[in-house]
C-alpha atoms as a PDB file:
ATOM      1  CA  UNK A   1     -12.857  14.855  16.413  1.00  0.00           C
ATOM      2  CA  UNK A   2     -13.400  11.706  14.357  1.00  0.00           C
ATOM      3  CA  UNK A   3     -16.921  11.255  13.031  1.00  0.00           C
ATOM      4  CA  UNK A   4     -18.768   7.983  12.575  1.00  0.00           C
ATOM      5  CA  UNK A   5     -19.442   7.661   8.853  1.00  0.00           C
ATOM      6  CA  UNK A   6     -20.359   4.887   6.465  1.00  0.00           C
ATOM      7  CA  UNK A   7     -17.527   3.446   4.410  1.00  0.00           C
ATOM      8  CA  UNK A   8     -18.130   4.501   0.795  1.00  0.00           C
ATOM      9  CA  UNK A   9     -16.687   3.438  -2.527  1.00  0.00           C
ATOM     10  CA  UNK A  10     -17.546   3.659  -6.212  1.00  0.00           C
ATOM     11  CA  UNK A  11     -17.361   1.541  -9.328  1.00  0.00           C
ATOM     12  CA  UNK A  12     -14.476   3.708 -10.539  1.00  0.00           C
ATOM     13  CA  UNK A  13     -12.471   3.167  -7.350  1.00  0.00           C
ATOM     14  CA  UNK A  14     -13.047  -0.601  -7.416  1.00  0.00           C
ATOM     15  CA  UNK A  15     -11.898  -0.723 -11.047  1.00  0.00           C
ATOM     16  CA  UNK A  16      -8.766   1.311 -10.304  1.00  0.00           C
ATOM     17  CA  UNK A  17      -7.843  -0.812  -7.272  1.00  0.00           C
ATOM     18  CA  UNK A  18      -8.401  -4.044  -9.219  1.00  0.00           C
ATOM     19  CA  UNK A  19      -6.278  -2.965 -12.191  1.00  0.00           C
ATOM     20  CA  UNK A  20      -3.489  -1.666  -9.935  1.00  0.00           C
ATOM     21  CA  UNK A  21      -3.579  -4.834  -7.833  1.00  0.00           C
ATOM     22  CA  UNK A  22      -3.298  -7.168 -10.845  1.00  0.00           C
ATOM     23  CA  UNK A  23      -0.529  -5.094 -12.437  1.00  0.00           C
ATOM     24  CA  UNK A  24       1.490  -4.987  -9.203  1.00  0.00           C
ATOM     25  CA  UNK A  25       1.057  -8.704  -8.619  1.00  0.00           C
ATOM     26  CA  UNK A  26       2.412  -9.462 -12.086  1.00  0.00           C
ATOM     27  CA  UNK A  27       5.311  -7.007 -11.802  1.00  0.00           C
ATOM     28  CA  UNK A  28       6.389  -8.223  -8.368  1.00  0.00           C
ATOM     29  CA  UNK A  29       6.013 -11.878  -9.366  1.00  0.00           C
ATOM     30  CA  UNK A  30       8.776 -11.298 -11.928  1.00  0.00           C
ATOM     31  CA  UNK A  31      11.003 -10.119  -9.073  1.00  0.00           C
ATOM     32  CA  UNK A  32      10.084 -12.685  -6.430  1.00  0.00           C
ATOM     33  CA  UNK A  33      10.350 -15.630  -8.844  1.00  0.00           C
ATOM     34  CA  UNK A  34      12.956 -14.271 -11.253  1.00  0.00           C
ATOM     35  CA  UNK A  35      15.182 -17.372 -11.123  1.00  0.00           C
ATOM     36  CA  UNK A  36      12.332 -19.682 -12.083  1.00  0.00           C
ATOM     37  CA  UNK A  37      10.903 -17.322 -14.711  1.00  0.00           C
ATOM     38  CA  UNK A  38      13.987 -16.061 -16.537  1.00  0.00           C
ATOM     39  CA  UNK A  39      16.241 -19.116 -16.431  1.00  0.00           C
ATOM     40  CA  UNK A  40      16.390 -20.413 -19.987  1.00  0.00           C
ATOM     41  CA  UNK A  41      13.872 -18.021 -21.539  1.00  0.00           C
ATOM     42  CA  UNK A  42      10.562 -16.950 -20.048  1.00  0.00           C
ATOM     43  CA  UNK A  43       8.817 -19.639 -18.010  1.00  0.00           C
ATOM     44  CA  UNK A  44       5.803 -18.213 -16.218  1.00  0.00           C
ATOM     45  CA  UNK A  45       3.642 -20.273 -13.901  1.00  0.00           C
ATOM     46  CA  UNK A  46       0.262 -18.983 -12.648  1.00  0.00           C
ATOM     47  CA  UNK A  47       1.327 -20.026  -9.137  1.00  0.00           C
ATOM     48  CA  UNK A  48       3.859 -17.191  -9.198  1.00  0.00           C
ATOM     49  CA  UNK A  49       1.026 -14.720  -9.746  1.00  0.00           C
ATOM     50  CA  UNK A  50      -1.304 -16.086  -7.057  1.00  0.00           C
ATOM     51  CA  UNK A  51       1.415 -16.255  -4.397  1.00  0.00           C
ATOM     52  CA  UNK A  52       2.532 -12.701  -5.191  1.00  0.00           C
ATOM     53  CA  UNK A  53      -1.091 -11.566  -5.085  1.00  0.00           C
ATOM     54  CA  UNK A  54      -1.270 -12.842  -1.491  1.00  0.00           C
ATOM     55  CA  UNK A  55       2.088 -11.417  -0.452  1.00  0.00           C
ATOM     56  CA  UNK A  56       1.852  -8.018  -2.180  1.00  0.00           C
ATOM     57  CA  UNK A  57      -1.872  -7.555  -2.802  1.00  0.00           C
ATOM     58  CA  UNK A  58      -2.946  -7.341   0.824  1.00  0.00           C
ATOM     59  CA  UNK A  59      -0.041  -4.986   1.571  1.00  0.00           C
ATOM     60  CA  UNK A  60      -1.094  -2.570  -1.146  1.00  0.00           C
ATOM     61  CA  UNK A  61      -4.903  -2.680  -0.957  1.00  0.00           C
ATOM     62  CA  UNK A  62      -5.270  -2.569   2.830  1.00  0.00           C
ATOM     63  CA  UNK A  63      -2.635   0.185   3.079  1.00  0.00           C
ATOM     64  CA  UNK A  64      -4.720   2.382   0.793  1.00  0.00           C
ATOM     65  CA  UNK A  65      -7.977   1.432   2.507  1.00  0.00           C
ATOM     66  CA  UNK A  66      -6.390   2.471   5.814  1.00  0.00           C
ATOM     67  CA  UNK A  67      -5.910   6.000   4.443  1.00  0.00           C
ATOM     68  CA  UNK A  68      -9.419   5.983   3.019  1.00  0.00           C
ATOM     69  CA  UNK A  69     -11.083   4.790   6.228  1.00  0.00           C
ATOM     70  CA  UNK A  70      -9.517   7.464   8.459  1.00  0.00           C
ATOM     71  CA  UNK A  71     -10.126  10.232   5.884  1.00  0.00           C
ATOM     72  CA  UNK A  72     -13.799   9.308   5.652  1.00  0.00           C
ATOM     73  CA  UNK A  73     -14.031   9.278   9.439  1.00  0.00           C
ATOM     74  CA  UNK A  74     -12.995  12.935   9.276  1.00  0.00           C
ATOM     75  CA  UNK A  75     -15.836  13.616   6.836  1.00  0.00           C
ATOM     76  CA  UNK A  76     -13.578  13.870   3.786  1.00  0.00           C
ATOM     77  CA  UNK A  77     -14.092  12.335   0.354  1.00  0.00           C
ATOM     78  CA  UNK A  78     -11.425   9.700  -0.246  1.00  0.00           C
ATOM     79  CA  UNK A  79     -10.970   7.340  -3.193  1.00  0.00           C
ATOM     80  CA  UNK A  80      -8.033   5.493  -4.720  1.00  0.00           C
ATOM     81  CA  UNK A  81      -6.948   6.436  -8.225  1.00  0.00           C
ATOM     82  CA  UNK A  82      -4.360   4.440 -10.121  1.00  0.00           C
ATOM     83  CA  UNK A  83      -1.443   6.004 -12.013  1.00  0.00           C
ATOM     84  CA  UNK A  84      -1.418   4.195 -15.389  1.00  0.00           C
ATOM     85  CA  UNK A  85       2.113   5.332 -16.294  1.00  0.00           C
ATOM     86  CA  UNK A  86       3.418   4.158 -12.905  1.00  0.00           C
ATOM     87  CA  UNK A  87       1.853   0.732 -13.409  1.00  0.00           C
ATOM     88  CA  UNK A  88       3.276   0.409 -16.923  1.00  0.00           C
ATOM     89  CA  UNK A  89       6.659   1.511 -15.571  1.00  0.00           C
ATOM     90  CA  UNK A  90       6.529  -1.176 -12.867  1.00  0.00           C
ATOM     91  CA  UNK A  91       5.769  -3.932 -15.389  1.00  0.00           C
ATOM     92  CA  UNK A  92       8.221  -2.590 -17.964  1.00  0.00           C
ATOM     93  CA  UNK A  93      11.146  -2.289 -15.554  1.00  0.00           C
ATOM     94  CA  UNK A  94      10.588  -5.733 -14.062  1.00  0.00           C
ATOM     95  CA  UNK A  95      10.521  -7.243 -17.560  1.00  0.00           C
ATOM     96  CA  UNK A  96      13.502  -5.329 -18.946  1.00  0.00           C
ATOM     97  CA  UNK A  97      15.627  -6.008 -15.848  1.00  0.00           C
ATOM     98  CA  UNK A  98      14.525  -9.669 -15.816  1.00  0.00           C
ATOM     99  CA  UNK A  99      13.192  -9.322 -12.295  1.00  0.00           C
ATOM    100  CA  UNK A 100      16.218  -7.529 -10.865  1.00  0.00           C
ATOM    101  CA  UNK A 101      14.408  -4.255 -10.258  1.00  0.00           C
ATOM    102  CA  UNK A 102      10.868  -2.900  -9.964  1.00  0.00           C
ATOM    103  CA  UNK A 103       9.669   0.654  -9.361  1.00  0.00           C
ATOM    104  CA  UNK A 104       6.177   0.583  -7.861  1.00  0.00           C
ATOM    105  CA  UNK A 105       4.108   3.763  -8.033  1.00  0.00           C
ATOM    106  CA  UNK A 106       0.591   2.382  -8.550  1.00  0.00           C
ATOM    107  CA  UNK A 107      -1.367   5.478  -7.531  1.00  0.00           C
ATOM    108  CA  UNK A 108      -2.728   7.045  -4.373  1.00  0.00           C
ATOM    109  CA  UNK A 109      -5.819   7.683  -2.285  1.00  0.00           C
ATOM    110  CA  UNK A 110      -7.135  11.090  -3.302  1.00  0.00           C
ATOM    111  CA  UNK A 111      -8.590  13.175  -0.458  1.00  0.00           C
ATOM    112  CA  UNK A 112     -10.727  16.322  -0.627  1.00  0.00           C
ATOM    113  CA  UNK A 113     -13.266  18.269   1.502  1.00  0.00           C
ATOM    114  CA  UNK A 114     -16.179  17.436  -0.802  1.00  0.00           C
ATOM    115  CA  UNK A 115     -19.200  15.144  -0.943  1.00  0.00           C
ATOM    116  CA  UNK A 116     -20.606  13.377  -3.968  1.00  0.00           C
ATOM    117  CA  UNK A 117     -24.199  14.006  -5.083  1.00  0.00           C
ATOM    118  CA  UNK A 118     -26.289  12.915  -8.051  1.00  0.00           C
ATOM    119  CA  UNK A 119     -25.372  16.180  -9.777  1.00  0.00           C
ATOM    120  CA  UNK A 120     -21.636  16.034  -9.060  1.00  0.00           C
ATOM    121  CA  UNK A 121     -19.481  17.153  -6.158  1.00  0.00           C
ATOM    122  CA  UNK A 122     -20.259  19.795  -3.546  1.00  0.00           C
ATOM    123  CA  UNK A 123     -17.677  21.461  -1.313  1.00  0.00           C
ATOM    124  CA  UNK A 124     -17.919  20.737   2.422  1.00  0.00           C
ATOM    125  CA  UNK A 125     -16.807  22.983   5.267  1.00  0.00           C
ATOM    126  CA  UNK A 126     -14.263  20.526   6.644  1.00  0.00           C
ATOM    127  CA  UNK A 127     -10.825  21.780   7.654  1.00  0.00           C
ATOM    128  CA  UNK A 128      -7.841  19.637   6.747  1.00  0.00           C
ATOM    129  CA  UNK A 129      -5.297  20.258   9.504  1.00  0.00           C
ATOM    130  CA  UNK A 130      -1.743  18.898   9.784  1.00  0.00           C
ATOM    131  CA  UNK A 131      -2.939  16.596  12.544  1.00  0.00           C
ATOM    132  CA  UNK A 132      -5.702  15.140  10.386  1.00  0.00           C
ATOM    133  CA  UNK A 133      -3.366  14.642   7.430  1.00  0.00           C
ATOM    134  CA  UNK A 134      -0.761  13.131   9.741  1.00  0.00           C
ATOM    135  CA  UNK A 135      -3.213  10.599  11.141  1.00  0.00           C
ATOM    136  CA  UNK A 136      -4.532   9.787   7.673  1.00  0.00           C
ATOM    137  CA  UNK A 137      -0.945   9.222   6.530  1.00  0.00           C
ATOM    138  CA  UNK A 138      -0.145   7.139   9.625  1.00  0.00           C
ATOM    139  CA  UNK A 139      -3.025   4.743   8.945  1.00  0.00           C
ATOM    140  CA  UNK A 140      -1.268   3.148   5.948  1.00  0.00           C
ATOM    141  CA  UNK A 141       1.995   2.123   7.691  1.00  0.00           C
ATOM    142  CA  UNK A 142       0.056   0.991  10.788  1.00  0.00           C
ATOM    143  CA  UNK A 143      -2.019  -1.337   8.607  1.00  0.00           C
ATOM    144  CA  UNK A 144       1.224  -2.740   7.176  1.00  0.00           C
ATOM    145  CA  UNK A 145       2.575  -3.217  10.726  1.00  0.00           C
ATOM    146  CA  UNK A 146      -0.487  -5.289  11.618  1.00  0.00           C
ATOM    147  CA  UNK A 147      -0.193  -7.320   8.408  1.00  0.00           C
ATOM    148  CA  UNK A 148       3.504  -7.923   9.091  1.00  0.00           C
ATOM    149  CA  UNK A 149       2.650  -9.490  12.448  1.00  0.00           C
ATOM    150  CA  UNK A 150      -0.151 -11.475  10.828  1.00  0.00           C
ATOM    151  CA  UNK A 151       2.137 -12.901   8.139  1.00  0.00           C
ATOM    152  CA  UNK A 152       4.909 -13.607  10.663  1.00  0.00           C
ATOM    153  CA  UNK A 153       2.406 -15.635  12.697  1.00  0.00           C
ATOM    154  CA  UNK A 154       1.307 -17.547   9.567  1.00  0.00           C
ATOM    155  CA  UNK A 155       4.928 -18.155   8.607  1.00  0.00           C
ATOM    156  CA  UNK A 156       5.729 -19.588  12.035  1.00  0.00           C
ATOM    157  CA  UNK A 157       2.597 -21.739  12.003  1.00  0.00           C
ATOM    158  CA  UNK A 158       2.851 -23.140   8.462  1.00  0.00           C
ATOM    159  CA  UNK A 159       6.424 -22.434   7.333  1.00  0.00           C
ATOM    160  CA  UNK A 160       5.380 -21.366   3.829  1.00  0.00           C
ATOM    161  CA  UNK A 161       7.630 -18.998   1.889  1.00  0.00           C
ATOM    162  CA  UNK A 162       4.640 -16.941   0.676  1.00  0.00           C
ATOM    163  CA  UNK A 163       3.854 -15.902   4.262  1.00  0.00           C
ATOM    164  CA  UNK A 164       7.474 -14.996   4.989  1.00  0.00           C
ATOM    165  CA  UNK A 165       7.491 -12.907   1.814  1.00  0.00           C
ATOM    166  CA  UNK A 166       4.235 -11.244   2.856  1.00  0.00           C
ATOM    167  CA  UNK A 167       5.771 -10.241   6.195  1.00  0.00           C
ATOM    168  CA  UNK A 168       8.869  -8.783   4.515  1.00  0.00           C
ATOM    169  CA  UNK A 169       6.865  -6.904   1.849  1.00  0.00           C
ATOM    170  CA  UNK A 170       4.562  -5.302   4.435  1.00  0.00           C
ATOM    171  CA  UNK A 171       7.442  -4.296   6.698  1.00  0.00           C
ATOM    172  CA  UNK A 172       9.375  -2.850   3.766  1.00  0.00           C
ATOM    173  CA  UNK A 173       6.329  -0.980   2.449  1.00  0.00           C
ATOM    174  CA  UNK A 174       5.749   0.599   5.866  1.00  0.00           C
ATOM    175  CA  UNK A 175       9.348   1.839   6.106  1.00  0.00           C
ATOM    176  CA  UNK A 176       9.400   3.134   2.523  1.00  0.00           C
ATOM    177  CA  UNK A 177       6.197   5.114   3.036  1.00  0.00           C
ATOM    178  CA  UNK A 178       7.538   6.553   6.290  1.00  0.00           C
ATOM    179  CA  UNK A 179      10.393   8.329   4.503  1.00  0.00           C
ATOM    180  CA  UNK A 180       9.774  12.052   5.205  1.00  0.00           C
ATOM    181  CA  UNK A 181       9.659  13.135   1.587  1.00  0.00           C
ATOM    182  CA  UNK A 182       6.914  14.844  -0.432  1.00  0.00           C
ATOM    183  CA  UNK A 183       3.906  12.706  -1.463  1.00  0.00           C
ATOM    184  CA  UNK A 184       4.921   9.896   0.927  1.00  0.00           C
ATOM    185  CA  UNK A 185       3.071   9.253   4.197  1.00  0.00           C
ATOM    186  CA  UNK A 186       6.192  10.056   6.211  1.00  0.00           C
ATOM    187  CA  UNK A 187       6.145  13.693   5.137  1.00  0.00           C
ATOM    188  CA  UNK A 188       2.604  14.163   6.446  1.00  0.00           C
ATOM    189  CA  UNK A 189       3.397  12.422   9.747  1.00  0.00           C
ATOM    190  CA  UNK A 190       6.673  14.356  10.169  1.00  0.00           C
ATOM    191  CA  UNK A 191       4.896  17.690   9.628  1.00  0.00           C
ATOM    192  CA  UNK A 192       2.315  16.756  12.257  1.00  0.00           C
ATOM    193  CA  UNK A 193       4.451  15.085  14.943  1.00  0.00           C
ATOM    194  CA  UNK A 194       8.121  14.136  14.751  1.00  0.00           C
ATOM    195  CA  UNK A 195       7.697  12.039  17.906  1.00  0.00           C
ATOM    196  CA  UNK A 196       4.946   9.939  16.326  1.00  0.00           C
ATOM    197  CA  UNK A 197       7.027   9.608  13.148  1.00  0.00           C
ATOM    198  CA  UNK A 198      10.057   8.371  15.121  1.00  0.00           C
ATOM    199  CA  UNK A 199       7.978   5.900  17.149  1.00  0.00           C
ATOM    200  CA  UNK A 200       6.341   4.469  14.026  1.00  0.00           C
ATOM    201  CA  UNK A 201       9.696   4.217  12.234  1.00  0.00           C
ATOM    202  CA  UNK A 202      11.195   2.323  15.186  1.00  0.00           C
ATOM    203  CA  UNK A 203       8.210  -0.045  15.261  1.00  0.00           C
ATOM    204  CA  UNK A 204       8.397  -0.644  11.517  1.00  0.00           C
ATOM    205  CA  UNK A 205      12.166  -1.190  11.644  1.00  0.00           C
ATOM    206  CA  UNK A 206      11.751  -3.740  14.440  1.00  0.00           C
ATOM    207  CA  UNK A 207       9.075  -5.543  12.448  1.00  0.00           C
ATOM    208  CA  UNK A 208      11.330  -5.601   9.375  1.00  0.00           C
ATOM    209  CA  UNK A 209      14.003  -7.311  11.478  1.00  0.00           C
ATOM    210  CA  UNK A 210      11.387  -9.736  12.801  1.00  0.00           C
ATOM    211  CA  UNK A 211      10.269 -10.590   9.262  1.00  0.00           C
ATOM    212  CA  UNK A 212      13.837 -11.588   8.370  1.00  0.00           C
ATOM    213  CA  UNK A 213      14.388 -13.906  11.364  1.00  0.00           C
END
């Protein structure tokens, strides 16, 4: 049963999300605008960063907040923590490859059956079942599905490349996270319900095709 709880965050979580968001936006901007940036040296325009922030930033932040929201509804502690090495790797690879490749592993939403007090953390008697973990994992790709449709609508209405890119990034992120491997959302969903996993993969694949039309 899902409980009604207040959405909680912390200064640490906000800092980690902000740093990860800025690092990802820079790394992906080198990929999305590689022809403009790396032709004849290194020519970086702040527009590249802002457009990538729109296209990639929403995909990343709202995906993680989707996990967090559902986990907190189950009475669990949930906060995003960045992976500094993963962020440095993303920037380093995009620079070394001149925008041809980027490996994005910014961090993850940490989940535990605890509650935070003034004196630290206290364990809570909350069971973490496969179903709960599956639904928490499912929240991220579903958020990306919704954002894909949102960006497709904006792309059709305004015809801007940034919106088309946003649709493609969200659709691709959903499919990548649905891969049924350890640490990815797909593994948690697969362990809970293979039928739900298949349905979500079909939806995400259809949206990826839609984003390319």
